[in-house]
Amino acid sequence: MSATQERRRHPRLPVHLSVAKLIEFKCEGDEQSIPAVLVDLSVGGLAMVAFALPRLTQKVTFRLDIPGLVSAQLHGHVVRAIKKGETFQVAVAFDEFKDQWSHLISKLIKSAKDCEDRWSQGDRTHCPKECAYHKVFPREG
């Protein structure tokens, strides 16, 4: 396998910074929640920029509210945490995720890829009105 080959089990749904979603997550055994910003989402987990370092494999609980997609209390565990300046790039694997969200995320990932392909080819008439991805995560400009 080459270094540039994708090794993830699930494709990622990128979140535009213009619609960044704040997540408050709580680590097992801690009283205080930690703020973070959602970076991407997949069927198996999510990536976020956190303002404190959670321990690897630590159980986390968080509320995920994305209008039109999901509104739920989720549970997972930290699989990666890397210091980036004053923040931390954190990856969380879900311990559970509903099939209906899985189907919707898969649909949005396909829509995002199709949309980005069309935009890269100069088609500016496709988005944001018709694009399922940009109905949930609106594009600026």
C-alpha atoms as a PDB file:
ATOM      1  CA  MET A   1       0.000   0.000   0.000  1.00  0.00           C
ATOM      2  CA  SER A   2       1.419   3.386  -0.973  1.00  0.00           C
ATOM      3  CA  ALA A   3       1.705   6.245   1.516  1.00  0.00           C
ATOM      4  CA  THR A   4      -0.978   8.239  -0.340  1.00  0.00           C
ATOM      5  CA  GLN A   5      -3.530   5.425  -0.464  1.00  0.00           C
ATOM      6  CA  GLU A   6      -6.638   5.899   1.679  1.00  0.00           C
ATOM      7  CA  ARG A   7      -6.617   3.520   4.664  1.00  0.00           C
ATOM      8  CA  ARG A   8      -9.822   4.631   6.338  1.00  0.00           C
ATOM      9  CA  ARG A   9     -12.725   2.198   6.440  1.00  0.00           C
ATOM     10  CA  HIS A  10     -15.342   4.908   5.855  1.00  0.00           C
ATOM     11  CA  PRO A  11     -15.239   7.933   3.553  1.00  0.00           C
ATOM     12  CA  ARG A  12     -15.351  11.325   5.296  1.00  0.00           C
ATOM     13  CA  LEU A  13     -17.993  14.019   5.007  1.00  0.00           C
ATOM     14  CA  PRO A  14     -16.089  17.317   5.204  1.00  0.00           C
ATOM     15  CA  VAL A  15     -17.605  20.214   7.122  1.00  0.00           C
ATOM     16  CA  HIS A  16     -17.019  23.698   5.679  1.00  0.00           C
ATOM     17  CA  LEU A  17     -15.531  26.171   8.136  1.00  0.00           C
ATOM     18  CA  SER A  18     -18.372  28.581   7.328  1.00  0.00           C
ATOM     19  CA  VAL A  19     -20.764  26.172   9.056  1.00  0.00           C
ATOM     20  CA  ALA A  20     -18.400  24.836  11.696  1.00  0.00           C
ATOM     21  CA  LYS A  21     -20.269  22.888  14.337  1.00  0.00           C
ATOM     22  CA  LEU A  22     -19.282  23.334  17.968  1.00  0.00           C
ATOM     23  CA  ILE A  23     -19.247  20.103  19.940  1.00  0.00           C
ATOM     24  CA  GLU A  24     -19.072  19.885  23.718  1.00  0.00           C
ATOM     25  CA  PHE A  25     -17.671  16.491  24.629  1.00  0.00           C
ATOM     26  CA  LYS A  26     -17.125  14.965  28.017  1.00  0.00           C
ATOM     27  CA  CYS A  27     -14.403  12.435  28.791  1.00  0.00           C
ATOM     28  CA  GLU A  28     -15.120   9.509  31.054  1.00  0.00           C
ATOM     29  CA  GLY A  29     -14.268  10.428  34.642  1.00  0.00           C
ATOM     30  CA  ASP A  30     -14.131  14.194  33.968  1.00  0.00           C
ATOM     31  CA  GLU A  31     -16.728  16.617  35.294  1.00  0.00           C
ATOM     32  CA  GLN A  32     -16.158  19.421  32.789  1.00  0.00           C
ATOM     33  CA  SER A  33     -17.004  19.339  29.078  1.00  0.00           C
ATOM     34  CA  ILE A  34     -14.356  20.216  26.494  1.00  0.00           C
ATOM     35  CA  PRO A  35     -15.283  22.452  23.530  1.00  0.00           C
ATOM     36  CA  ALA A  36     -14.305  21.323  20.039  1.00  0.00           C
ATOM     37  CA  VAL A  37     -15.116  22.114  16.403  1.00  0.00           C
ATOM     38  CA  LEU A  38     -16.304  19.358  14.060  1.00  0.00           C
ATOM     39  CA  VAL A  39     -13.983  18.915  11.057  1.00  0.00           C
ATOM     40  CA  ASP A  40     -15.438  15.860   9.351  1.00  0.00           C
ATOM     41  CA  LEU A  41     -17.902  13.056   9.934  1.00  0.00           C
ATOM     42  CA  SER A  42     -18.136   9.470   8.732  1.00  0.00           C
ATOM     43  CA  VAL A  43     -20.266   6.434   9.428  1.00  0.00           C
ATOM     44  CA  GLY A  44     -17.588   5.205  11.845  1.00  0.00           C
ATOM     45  CA  GLY A  45     -16.519   8.382  13.635  1.00  0.00           C
ATOM     46  CA  LEU A  46     -15.569  12.020  13.439  1.00  0.00           C
ATOM     47  CA  ALA A  47     -12.612  14.367  13.515  1.00  0.00           C
ATOM     48  CA  MET A  48     -12.562  17.552  15.526  1.00  0.00           C
ATOM     49  CA  VAL A  49     -10.270  20.318  16.683  1.00  0.00           C
ATOM     50  CA  ALA A  50     -10.336  20.283  20.483  1.00  0.00           C
ATOM     51  CA  PHE A  51      -9.147  22.863  22.964  1.00  0.00           C
ATOM     52  CA  ALA A  52      -7.869  20.280  25.473  1.00  0.00           C
ATOM     53  CA  LEU A  53      -6.096  16.950  25.050  1.00  0.00           C
ATOM     54  CA  PRO A  54      -8.176  13.845  25.788  1.00  0.00           C
ATOM     55  CA  ARG A  55      -6.308  10.632  26.553  1.00  0.00           C
ATOM     56  CA  LEU A  56      -6.084   8.048  23.785  1.00  0.00           C
ATOM     57  CA  THR A  57      -8.764   5.296  23.955  1.00  0.00           C
ATOM     58  CA  GLN A  58     -10.639   7.376  26.511  1.00  0.00           C
ATOM     59  CA  LYS A  59     -14.430   7.030  26.355  1.00  0.00           C
ATOM     60  CA  VAL A  60     -16.176  10.230  25.324  1.00  0.00           C
ATOM     61  CA  THR A  61     -19.803  11.335  25.234  1.00  0.00           C
ATOM     62  CA  PHE A  62     -21.017  14.279  23.185  1.00  0.00           C
ATOM     63  CA  ARG A  63     -24.088  15.892  21.724  1.00  0.00           C
ATOM     64  CA  LEU A  64     -24.047  16.129  17.931  1.00  0.00           C
ATOM     65  CA  ASP A  65     -26.601  18.507  16.407  1.00  0.00           C
ATOM     66  CA  ILE A  66     -26.501  18.972  12.644  1.00  0.00           C
ATOM     67  CA  PRO A  67     -29.865  20.211  11.339  1.00  0.00           C
ATOM     68  CA  GLY A  68     -31.249  17.896   8.695  1.00  0.00           C
ATOM     69  CA  LEU A  69     -28.775  15.174   9.573  1.00  0.00           C
ATOM     70  CA  VAL A  70     -28.496  14.159  13.213  1.00  0.00           C
ATOM     71  CA  SER A  71     -29.426  15.317  16.687  1.00  0.00           C
ATOM     72  CA  ALA A  72     -28.296  12.809  19.253  1.00  0.00           C
ATOM     73  CA  GLN A  73     -26.187  11.997  22.275  1.00  0.00           C
ATOM     74  CA  LEU A  74     -23.318   9.831  20.975  1.00  0.00           C
ATOM     75  CA  HIS A  75     -20.675   7.685  22.602  1.00  0.00           C
ATOM     76  CA  GLY A  76     -17.243   6.819  21.289  1.00  0.00           C
ATOM     77  CA  HIS A  77     -13.592   6.568  22.143  1.00  0.00           C
ATOM     78  CA  VAL A  78     -10.556   8.633  21.191  1.00  0.00           C
ATOM     79  CA  VAL A  79      -8.388   6.871  18.605  1.00  0.00           C
ATOM     80  CA  ARG A  80      -5.971   9.718  17.807  1.00  0.00           C
ATOM     81  CA  ALA A  81      -5.024  13.031  19.389  1.00  0.00           C
ATOM     82  CA  ILE A  82      -2.277  15.197  17.871  1.00  0.00           C
ATOM     83  CA  LYS A  83      -1.148  18.605  19.151  1.00  0.00           C
ATOM     84  CA  LYS A  84      -1.486  21.328  16.501  1.00  0.00           C
ATOM     85  CA  GLY A  85      -0.299  24.647  17.934  1.00  0.00           C
ATOM     86  CA  GLU A  86      -2.587  25.558  20.819  1.00  0.00           C
ATOM     87  CA  THR A  87      -5.265  23.008  19.839  1.00  0.00           C
ATOM     88  CA  PHE A  88      -5.496  19.258  19.292  1.00  0.00           C
ATOM     89  CA  GLN A  89      -6.606  17.289  16.240  1.00  0.00           C
ATOM     90  CA  VAL A  90      -8.759  14.518  17.707  1.00  0.00           C
ATOM     91  CA  ALA A  91     -10.328  11.484  16.030  1.00  0.00           C
ATOM     92  CA  VAL A  92     -13.192   9.650  17.703  1.00  0.00           C
ATOM     93  CA  ALA A  93     -14.563   6.238  16.690  1.00  0.00           C
ATOM     94  CA  PHE A  94     -18.262   5.788  17.402  1.00  0.00           C
ATOM     95  CA  ASP A  95     -19.288   2.977  19.709  1.00  0.00           C
ATOM     96  CA  GLU A  96     -22.759   3.172  18.146  1.00  0.00           C
ATOM     97  CA  PHE A  97     -24.382   4.858  15.186  1.00  0.00           C
ATOM     98  CA  LYS A  98     -27.867   4.409  13.769  1.00  0.00           C
ATOM     99  CA  ASP A  99     -28.388   2.867  10.334  1.00  0.00           C
ATOM    100  CA  GLN A 100     -30.559   5.794   9.197  1.00  0.00           C
ATOM    101  CA  TRP A 101     -27.698   8.241   9.889  1.00  0.00           C
ATOM    102  CA  SER A 102     -25.277   5.907   8.152  1.00  0.00           C
ATOM    103  CA  HIS A 103     -27.427   5.926   5.019  1.00  0.00           C
ATOM    104  CA  LEU A 104     -27.820   9.708   5.108  1.00  0.00           C
ATOM    105  CA  ILE A 105     -24.098  10.328   5.655  1.00  0.00           C
ATOM    106  CA  SER A 106     -23.258   7.976   2.764  1.00  0.00           C
ATOM    107  CA  LYS A 107     -25.702   9.890   0.532  1.00  0.00           C
ATOM    108  CA  LEU A 108     -24.219  13.239   1.557  1.00  0.00           C
ATOM    109  CA  ILE A 109     -20.655  12.004   0.945  1.00  0.00           C
ATOM    110  CA  LYS A 110     -21.626  10.996  -2.598  1.00  0.00           C
ATOM    111  CA  SER A 111     -23.376  14.338  -3.112  1.00  0.00           C
ATOM    112  CA  ALA A 112     -20.338  16.258  -1.801  1.00  0.00           C
ATOM    113  CA  LYS A 113     -17.988  14.380  -4.155  1.00  0.00           C
ATOM    114  CA  ASP A 114     -20.299  14.916  -7.145  1.00  0.00           C
ATOM    115  CA  CYS A 115     -20.677  18.594  -6.260  1.00  0.00           C
ATOM    116  CA  GLU A 116     -16.931  19.173  -5.818  1.00  0.00           C
ATOM    117  CA  ASP A 117     -16.252  17.403  -9.131  1.00  0.00           C
ATOM    118  CA  ARG A 118     -18.735  19.678 -10.908  1.00  0.00           C
ATOM    119  CA  TRP A 119     -17.335  22.796  -9.223  1.00  0.00           C
ATOM    120  CA  SER A 120     -13.779  21.825 -10.184  1.00  0.00           C
ATOM    121  CA  GLN A 121     -14.977  21.527 -13.789  1.00  0.00           C
ATOM    122  CA  GLY A 122     -16.415  25.063 -13.646  1.00  0.00           C
ATOM    123  CA  ASP A 123     -20.123  24.213 -13.205  1.00  0.00           C
ATOM    124  CA  ARG A 124     -21.335  26.896 -10.770  1.00  0.00           C
ATOM    125  CA  THR A 125     -25.039  26.325 -11.541  1.00  0.00           C
ATOM    126  CA  HIS A 126     -25.292  23.007  -9.682  1.00  0.00           C
ATOM    127  CA  CYS A 127     -24.811  24.292  -6.120  1.00  0.00           C
ATOM    128  CA  PRO A 128     -26.011  25.138  -3.601  1.00  0.00           C
ATOM    129  CA  LYS A 129     -29.724  24.821  -4.530  1.00  0.00           C
ATOM    130  CA  GLU A 130     -29.695  21.258  -5.881  1.00  0.00           C
ATOM    131  CA  CYS A 131     -26.907  19.722  -3.844  1.00  0.00           C
ATOM    132  CA  ALA A 132     -27.996  17.535  -0.894  1.00  0.00           C
ATOM    133  CA  TYR A 133     -24.640  18.124   0.815  1.00  0.00           C
ATOM    134  CA  HIS A 134     -24.878  21.905   0.639  1.00  0.00           C
ATOM    135  CA  LYS A 135     -28.470  21.856   1.920  1.00  0.00           C
ATOM    136  CA  VAL A 136     -26.993  20.554   5.195  1.00  0.00           C
ATOM    137  CA  PHE A 137     -23.611  22.374   4.925  1.00  0.00           C
ATOM    138  CA  PRO A 138     -24.209  25.558   2.866  1.00  0.00           C
ATOM    139  CA  ARG A 139     -21.393  26.806   0.647  1.00  0.00           C
ATOM    140  CA  GLU A 140     -20.363  30.440   0.878  1.00  0.00           C
ATOM    141  CA  GLY A 141     -20.018  32.379  -2.345  1.00  0.00           C
END
